[in-house]
PDB file of N, CA and C in Angstrom:
ATOM      1  N   UNK A   1    -109.159  21.981-169.844  1.00  0.00           N
ATOM      2  CA  UNK A   1    -108.131  21.448-169.130  1.00  0.00           C
ATOM      3  C   UNK A   1    -108.497  20.626-167.945  1.00  0.00           C
ATOM      4  N   UNK A   2    -109.261  21.588-167.615  1.00  0.00           N
ATOM      5  CA  UNK A   2    -110.143  21.286-166.314  1.00  0.00           C
ATOM      6  C   UNK A   2    -111.091  20.207-166.357  1.00  0.00           C
ATOM      7  N   UNK A   3    -111.905  20.451-167.282  1.00  0.00           N
ATOM      8  CA  UNK A   3    -112.980  19.134-167.464  1.00  0.00           C
ATOM      9  C   UNK A   3    -112.505  17.730-167.752  1.00  0.00           C
ATOM     10  N   UNK A   4    -111.105  18.018-168.678  1.00  0.00           N
ATOM     11  CA  UNK A   4    -110.422  16.797-168.466  1.00  0.00           C
ATOM     12  C   UNK A   4    -109.815  15.994-167.737  1.00  0.00           C
ATOM     13  N   UNK A   5    -109.252  17.043-166.403  1.00  0.00           N
ATOM     14  CA  UNK A   5    -108.944  16.117-164.947  1.00  0.00           C
ATOM     15  C   UNK A   5    -109.716  15.814-164.337  1.00  0.00           C
ATOM     16  N   UNK A   6    -110.989  16.828-164.363  1.00  0.00           N
ATOM     17  CA  UNK A   6    -112.613  16.083-163.633  1.00  0.00           C
ATOM     18  C   UNK A   6    -112.723  14.420-164.018  1.00  0.00           C
ATOM     19  N   UNK A   7    -112.819  14.533-165.644  1.00  0.00           N
ATOM     20  CA  UNK A   7    -113.280  13.473-166.318  1.00  0.00           C
ATOM     21  C   UNK A   7    -112.634  12.201-165.878  1.00  0.00           C
ATOM     22  N   UNK A   8    -111.398  12.072-165.939  1.00  0.00           N
ATOM     23  CA  UNK A   8    -110.427  11.377-165.341  1.00  0.00           C
ATOM     24  C   UNK A   8    -110.673  11.067-163.674  1.00  0.00           C
ATOM     25  N   UNK A   9    -110.832  11.800-163.168  1.00  0.00           N
ATOM     26  CA  UNK A   9    -110.588  11.652-161.676  1.00  0.00           C
ATOM     27  C   UNK A   9    -111.880  10.925-161.513  1.00  0.00           C
ATOM     28  N   UNK A  10    -113.179  11.289-162.268  1.00  0.00           N
ATOM     29  CA  UNK A  10    -114.405  10.236-161.582  1.00  0.00           C
ATOM     30  C   UNK A  10    -114.201   9.213-162.593  1.00  0.00           C
ATOM     31  N   UNK A  11    -113.917   9.120-163.722  1.00  0.00           N
ATOM     32  CA  UNK A  11    -113.816   7.848-164.279  1.00  0.00           C
ATOM     33  C   UNK A  11    -112.904   6.873-163.411  1.00  0.00           C
ATOM     34  N   UNK A  12    -111.330   7.293-162.533  1.00  0.00           N
ATOM     35  CA  UNK A  12    -110.615   6.534-161.708  1.00  0.00           C
ATOM     36  C   UNK A  12    -111.652   6.201-160.413  1.00  0.00           C
ATOM     37  N   UNK A  13    -112.333   7.219-159.768  1.00  0.00           N
ATOM     38  CA  UNK A  13    -113.177   6.571-158.729  1.00  0.00           C
ATOM     39  C   UNK A  13    -113.851   5.805-158.727  1.00  0.00           C
ATOM     40  N   UNK A  14    -114.640   5.981-159.954  1.00  0.00           N
ATOM     41  CA  UNK A  14    -115.918   4.895-160.424  1.00  0.00           C
ATOM     42  C   UNK A  14    -115.448   3.608-160.400  1.00  0.00           C
ATOM     43  N   UNK A  15    -113.964   3.117-161.091  1.00  0.00           N
ATOM     44  CA  UNK A  15    -113.502   1.919-161.274  1.00  0.00           C
ATOM     45  C   UNK A  15    -112.948   1.474-159.901  1.00  0.00           C
ATOM     46  N   UNK A  16    -112.428   2.018-158.984  1.00  0.00           N
ATOM     47  CA  UNK A  16    -111.659   1.837-157.734  1.00  0.00           C
ATOM     48  C   UNK A  16    -113.321   1.322-156.942  1.00  0.00           C
ATOM     49  N   UNK A  17    -114.250   1.817-157.052  1.00  0.00           N
ATOM     50  CA  UNK A  17    -115.058   1.233-156.032  1.00  0.00           C
ATOM     51  C   UNK A  17    -116.170   0.449-156.339  1.00  0.00           C
ATOM     52  N   UNK A  18    -116.141  -0.229-158.042  1.00  0.00           N
ATOM     53  CA  UNK A  18    -116.156  -1.339-158.684  1.00  0.00           C
ATOM     54  C   UNK A  18    -115.661  -2.337-158.210  1.00  0.00           C
ATOM     55  N   UNK A  19    -114.466  -2.433-157.683  1.00  0.00           N
ATOM     56  CA  UNK A  19    -113.341  -3.329-157.117  1.00  0.00           C
ATOM     57  C   UNK A  19    -114.027  -4.319-156.253  1.00  0.00           C
ATOM     58  N   UNK A  20    -114.089  -5.420-156.059  1.00  0.00           N
ATOM     59  CA  UNK A  20    -114.154  -6.709-155.219  1.00  0.00           C
ATOM     60  C   UNK A  20    -112.469  -6.913-154.475  1.00  0.00           C
ATOM     61  N   UNK A  21    -112.878  -6.922-153.225  1.00  0.00           N
ATOM     62  CA  UNK A  21    -111.147  -7.620-152.706  1.00  0.00           C
ATOM     63  C   UNK A  21    -111.353  -9.320-153.041  1.00  0.00           C
ATOM     64  N   UNK A  22    -110.202  -9.128-153.410  1.00  0.00           N
ATOM     65  CA  UNK A  22    -109.990 -10.824-153.911  1.00  0.00           C
ATOM     66  C   UNK A  22    -109.178 -11.610-152.498  1.00  0.00           C
ATOM     67  N   UNK A  23    -108.950 -12.607-152.246  1.00  0.00           N
ATOM     68  CA  UNK A  23    -108.058 -13.007-151.264  1.00  0.00           C
ATOM     69  C   UNK A  23    -106.904 -13.293-152.162  1.00  0.00           C
ATOM     70  N   UNK A  24    -106.005 -13.061-150.865  1.00  0.00           N
ATOM     71  CA  UNK A  24    -104.606 -13.326-151.125  1.00  0.00           C
ATOM     72  C   UNK A  24    -104.181 -14.429-150.516  1.00  0.00           C
ATOM     73  N   UNK A  25    -103.775 -14.690-151.960  1.00  0.00           N
ATOM     74  CA  UNK A  25    -102.530 -16.304-151.502  1.00  0.00           C
ATOM     75  C   UNK A  25    -101.509 -16.381-150.197  1.00  0.00           C
ATOM     76  N   UNK A  26    -101.453 -17.128-149.217  1.00  0.00           N
ATOM     77  CA  UNK A  26    -100.602 -17.185-148.782  1.00  0.00           C
ATOM     78  C   UNK A  26     -99.578 -18.129-149.140  1.00  0.00           C
ATOM     79  N   UNK A  27     -98.273 -18.015-148.464  1.00  0.00           N
ATOM     80  CA  UNK A  27     -97.087 -18.591-148.741  1.00  0.00           C
ATOM     81  C   UNK A  27     -97.028 -19.516-147.977  1.00  0.00           C
ATOM     82  N   UNK A  28     -96.762 -21.107-148.586  1.00  0.00           N
ATOM     83  CA  UNK A  28     -96.606 -22.051-147.669  1.00  0.00           C
ATOM     84  C   UNK A  28     -95.663 -22.308-147.313  1.00  0.00           C
ATOM     85  N   UNK A  29     -95.245 -22.685-145.737  1.00  0.00           N
ATOM     86  CA  UNK A  29     -93.745 -23.061-145.354  1.00  0.00           C
ATOM     87  C   UNK A  29     -93.185 -23.939-146.089  1.00  0.00           C
ATOM     88  N   UNK A  30     -92.025 -23.893-146.839  1.00  0.00           N
ATOM     89  CA  UNK A  30     -91.271 -25.367-147.261  1.00  0.00           C
ATOM     90  C   UNK A  30     -90.990 -26.082-146.626  1.00  0.00           C
ATOM     91  N   UNK A  31     -91.786 -27.805-146.984  1.00  0.00           N
ATOM     92  CA  UNK A  31     -91.407 -28.787-146.063  1.00  0.00           C
ATOM     93  C   UNK A  31     -90.180 -29.573-146.114  1.00  0.00           C
ATOM     94  N   UNK A  32     -89.584 -29.060-147.619  1.00  0.00           N
ATOM     95  CA  UNK A  32     -88.452 -29.747-147.978  1.00  0.00           C
ATOM     96  C   UNK A  32     -87.588 -29.044-148.174  1.00  0.00           C
ATOM     97  N   UNK A  33     -86.187 -28.706-147.583  1.00  0.00           N
ATOM     98  CA  UNK A  33     -85.374 -27.885-148.406  1.00  0.00           C
ATOM     99  C   UNK A  33     -83.910 -28.824-148.627  1.00  0.00           C
ATOM    100  N   UNK A  34     -83.999 -28.486-150.039  1.00  0.00           N
ATOM    101  CA  UNK A  34     -82.629 -29.466-150.427  1.00  0.00           C
ATOM    102  C   UNK A  34     -81.450 -28.798-150.068  1.00  0.00           C
ATOM    103  N   UNK A  35     -80.521 -29.133-149.768  1.00  0.00           N
ATOM    104  CA  UNK A  35     -79.088 -28.636-149.911  1.00  0.00           C
ATOM    105  C   UNK A  35     -78.068 -29.388-150.362  1.00  0.00           C
ATOM    106  N   UNK A  36     -77.113 -28.780-151.507  1.00  0.00           N
ATOM    107  CA  UNK A  36     -76.579 -29.513-152.174  1.00  0.00           C
ATOM    108  C   UNK A  36     -75.158 -29.084-151.793  1.00  0.00           C
ATOM    109  N   UNK A  37     -74.305 -29.952-151.078  1.00  0.00           N
ATOM    110  CA  UNK A  37     -72.600 -29.418-151.010  1.00  0.00           C
ATOM    111  C   UNK A  37     -71.730 -30.333-151.556  1.00  0.00           C
ATOM    112  N   UNK A  38     -71.286 -29.766-152.553  1.00  0.00           N
ATOM    113  CA  UNK A  38     -69.797 -30.578-153.122  1.00  0.00           C
ATOM    114  C   UNK A  38     -68.401 -30.065-152.255  1.00  0.00           C
ATOM    115  N   UNK A  39     -67.808 -31.277-152.214  1.00  0.00           N
ATOM    116  CA  UNK A  39     -66.779 -30.786-151.567  1.00  0.00           C
ATOM    117  C   UNK A  39     -65.288 -31.801-152.658  1.00  0.00           C
ATOM    118  N   UNK A  40     -64.691 -30.863-153.110  1.00  0.00           N
ATOM    119  CA  UNK A  40     -63.679 -31.218-154.015  1.00  0.00           C
ATOM    120  C   UNK A  40     -62.488 -32.345-153.656  1.00  0.00           C
ATOM    121  N   UNK A  41     -62.243 -33.482-154.157  1.00  0.00           N
ATOM    122  CA  UNK A  41     -61.459 -34.327-153.430  1.00  0.00           C
ATOM    123  C   UNK A  41     -60.136 -33.589-153.642  1.00  0.00           C
ATOM    124  N   UNK A  42     -59.363 -33.907-152.926  1.00  0.00           N
ATOM    125  CA  UNK A  42     -57.924 -33.382-152.345  1.00  0.00           C
ATOM    126  C   UNK A  42     -57.081 -33.749-153.268  1.00  0.00           C
ATOM    127  N   UNK A  43     -56.120 -33.232-153.937  1.00  0.00           N
ATOM    128  CA  UNK A  43     -55.203 -33.348-154.503  1.00  0.00           C
ATOM    129  C   UNK A  43     -55.499 -33.400-156.144  1.00  0.00           C
ATOM    130  N   UNK A  44     -56.711 -34.064-156.716  1.00  0.00           N
ATOM    131  CA  UNK A  44     -57.145 -34.616-158.170  1.00  0.00           C
ATOM    132  C   UNK A  44     -58.273 -33.639-158.252  1.00  0.00           C
ATOM    133  N   UNK A  45     -58.223 -33.470-159.906  1.00  0.00           N
ATOM    134  CA  UNK A  45     -59.632 -32.618-160.173  1.00  0.00           C
ATOM    135  C   UNK A  45     -60.511 -33.577-160.143  1.00  0.00           C
ATOM    136  N   UNK A  46     -62.025 -32.961-159.634  1.00  0.00           N
ATOM    137  CA  UNK A  46     -62.860 -33.762-159.485  1.00  0.00           C
ATOM    138  C   UNK A  46     -64.064 -32.975-160.615  1.00  0.00           C
ATOM    139  N   UNK A  47     -64.919 -34.138-160.441  1.00  0.00           N
ATOM    140  CA  UNK A  47     -66.285 -33.915-161.260  1.00  0.00           C
ATOM    141  C   UNK A  47     -67.299 -34.741-160.515  1.00  0.00           C
ATOM    142  N   UNK A  48     -68.230 -34.471-160.678  1.00  0.00           N
ATOM    143  CA  UNK A  48     -69.609 -34.373-160.490  1.00  0.00           C
ATOM    144  C   UNK A  48     -70.741 -34.766-161.796  1.00  0.00           C
ATOM    145  N   UNK A  49     -71.864 -36.161-160.983  1.00  0.00           N
ATOM    146  CA  UNK A  49     -72.876 -36.232-161.625  1.00  0.00           C
ATOM    147  C   UNK A  49     -74.424 -36.264-160.786  1.00  0.00           C
ATOM    148  N   UNK A  50     -74.945 -35.534-161.555  1.00  0.00           N
ATOM    149  CA  UNK A  50     -76.771 -35.272-160.807  1.00  0.00           C
ATOM    150  C   UNK A  50     -77.617 -36.213-161.404  1.00  0.00           C
ATOM    151  N   UNK A  51     -77.738 -37.491-160.410  1.00  0.00           N
ATOM    152  CA  UNK A  51     -78.568 -38.409-160.977  1.00  0.00           C
ATOM    153  C   UNK A  51     -80.251 -38.386-161.010  1.00  0.00           C
ATOM    154  N   UNK A  52     -80.985 -39.050-161.633  1.00  0.00           N
ATOM    155  CA  UNK A  52     -82.388 -38.642-161.892  1.00  0.00           C
ATOM    156  C   UNK A  52     -82.984 -38.812-160.735  1.00  0.00           C
ATOM    157  N   UNK A  53     -82.541 -39.797-159.470  1.00  0.00           N
ATOM    158  CA  UNK A  53     -83.175 -39.867-158.197  1.00  0.00           C
ATOM    159  C   UNK A  53     -82.662 -38.706-157.341  1.00  0.00           C
ATOM    160  N   UNK A  54     -82.191 -37.807-157.747  1.00  0.00           N
ATOM    161  CA  UNK A  54     -81.490 -36.648-156.762  1.00  0.00           C
ATOM    162  C   UNK A  54     -80.510 -36.379-156.248  1.00  0.00           C
ATOM    163  N   UNK A  55     -79.827 -37.565-156.574  1.00  0.00           N
ATOM    164  CA  UNK A  55     -78.397 -37.939-155.690  1.00  0.00           C
ATOM    165  C   UNK A  55     -77.380 -37.147-156.168  1.00  0.00           C
ATOM    166  N   UNK A  56     -76.159 -37.121-156.251  1.00  0.00           N
ATOM    167  CA  UNK A  56     -75.134 -36.089-156.618  1.00  0.00           C
ATOM    168  C   UNK A  56     -74.152 -36.655-156.442  1.00  0.00           C
ATOM    169  N   UNK A  57     -73.339 -37.105-157.197  1.00  0.00           N
ATOM    170  CA  UNK A  57     -71.922 -38.461-156.939  1.00  0.00           C
ATOM    171  C   UNK A  57     -70.884 -37.582-157.413  1.00  0.00           C
ATOM    172  N   UNK A  58     -69.884 -37.217-156.588  1.00  0.00           N
ATOM    173  CA  UNK A  58     -68.731 -36.683-156.403  1.00  0.00           C
ATOM    174  C   UNK A  58     -67.270 -37.388-156.481  1.00  0.00           C
ATOM    175  N   UNK A  59     -66.485 -37.565-157.955  1.00  0.00           N
ATOM    176  CA  UNK A  59     -65.349 -38.395-158.001  1.00  0.00           C
ATOM    177  C   UNK A  59     -64.600 -37.776-158.526  1.00  0.00           C
ATOM    178  N   UNK A  60     -63.302 -38.072-158.506  1.00  0.00           N
ATOM    179  CA  UNK A  60     -62.226 -37.751-159.281  1.00  0.00           C
ATOM    180  C   UNK A  60     -62.280 -38.101-160.589  1.00  0.00           C
ATOM    181  N   UNK A  61     -61.486 -37.196-161.407  1.00  0.00           N
ATOM    182  CA  UNK A  61     -61.564 -37.459-162.733  1.00  0.00           C
ATOM    183  C   UNK A  61     -60.962 -38.783-163.359  1.00  0.00           C
ATOM    184  N   UNK A  62     -59.943 -39.395-162.711  1.00  0.00           N
ATOM    185  CA  UNK A  62     -59.446 -40.445-162.985  1.00  0.00           C
ATOM    186  C   UNK A  62     -60.635 -41.981-163.025  1.00  0.00           C
ATOM    187  N   UNK A  63     -61.321 -41.639-162.103  1.00  0.00           N
ATOM    188  CA  UNK A  63     -62.413 -42.662-161.519  1.00  0.00           C
ATOM    189  C   UNK A  63     -63.995 -42.108-161.729  1.00  0.00           C
ATOM    190  N   UNK A  64     -64.278 -42.139-162.790  1.00  0.00           N
ATOM    191  CA  UNK A  64     -65.700 -41.616-162.813  1.00  0.00           C
ATOM    192  C   UNK A  64     -66.381 -42.835-162.332  1.00  0.00           C
ATOM    193  N   UNK A  65     -67.932 -42.070-162.164  1.00  0.00           N
ATOM    194  CA  UNK A  65     -69.060 -43.267-161.758  1.00  0.00           C
ATOM    195  C   UNK A  65     -70.156 -42.939-162.254  1.00  0.00           C
ATOM    196  N   UNK A  66     -70.907 -43.753-162.217  1.00  0.00           N
ATOM    197  CA  UNK A  66     -72.088 -43.980-163.007  1.00  0.00           C
ATOM    198  C   UNK A  66     -73.228 -43.795-161.891  1.00  0.00           C
ATOM    199  N   UNK A  67     -74.726 -43.541-162.335  1.00  0.00           N
ATOM    200  CA  UNK A  67     -75.631 -43.476-161.537  1.00  0.00           C
ATOM    201  C   UNK A  67     -76.411 -44.977-160.905  1.00  0.00           C
ATOM    202  N   UNK A  68     -75.961 -45.472-161.581  1.00  0.00           N
ATOM    203  CA  UNK A  68     -76.579 -47.007-161.573  1.00  0.00           C
ATOM    204  C   UNK A  68     -76.274 -47.558-160.162  1.00  0.00           C
TER     205      UNK A  68
END
């Protein structure tokens, strides 16, 4: 059992010495932070549409809107 422990210790230390230090990627600060705020219309149930250009249209259910 002691020979097995010595073998594992020797194998582990030889692989650690062969490793090279890899450069670490630095996180880039976010240049653009998007915040979507949806305000429900007062008194009526509302709905919303996410447009392809990034807009969010919020409207009462009785008066739907389109992205065009």
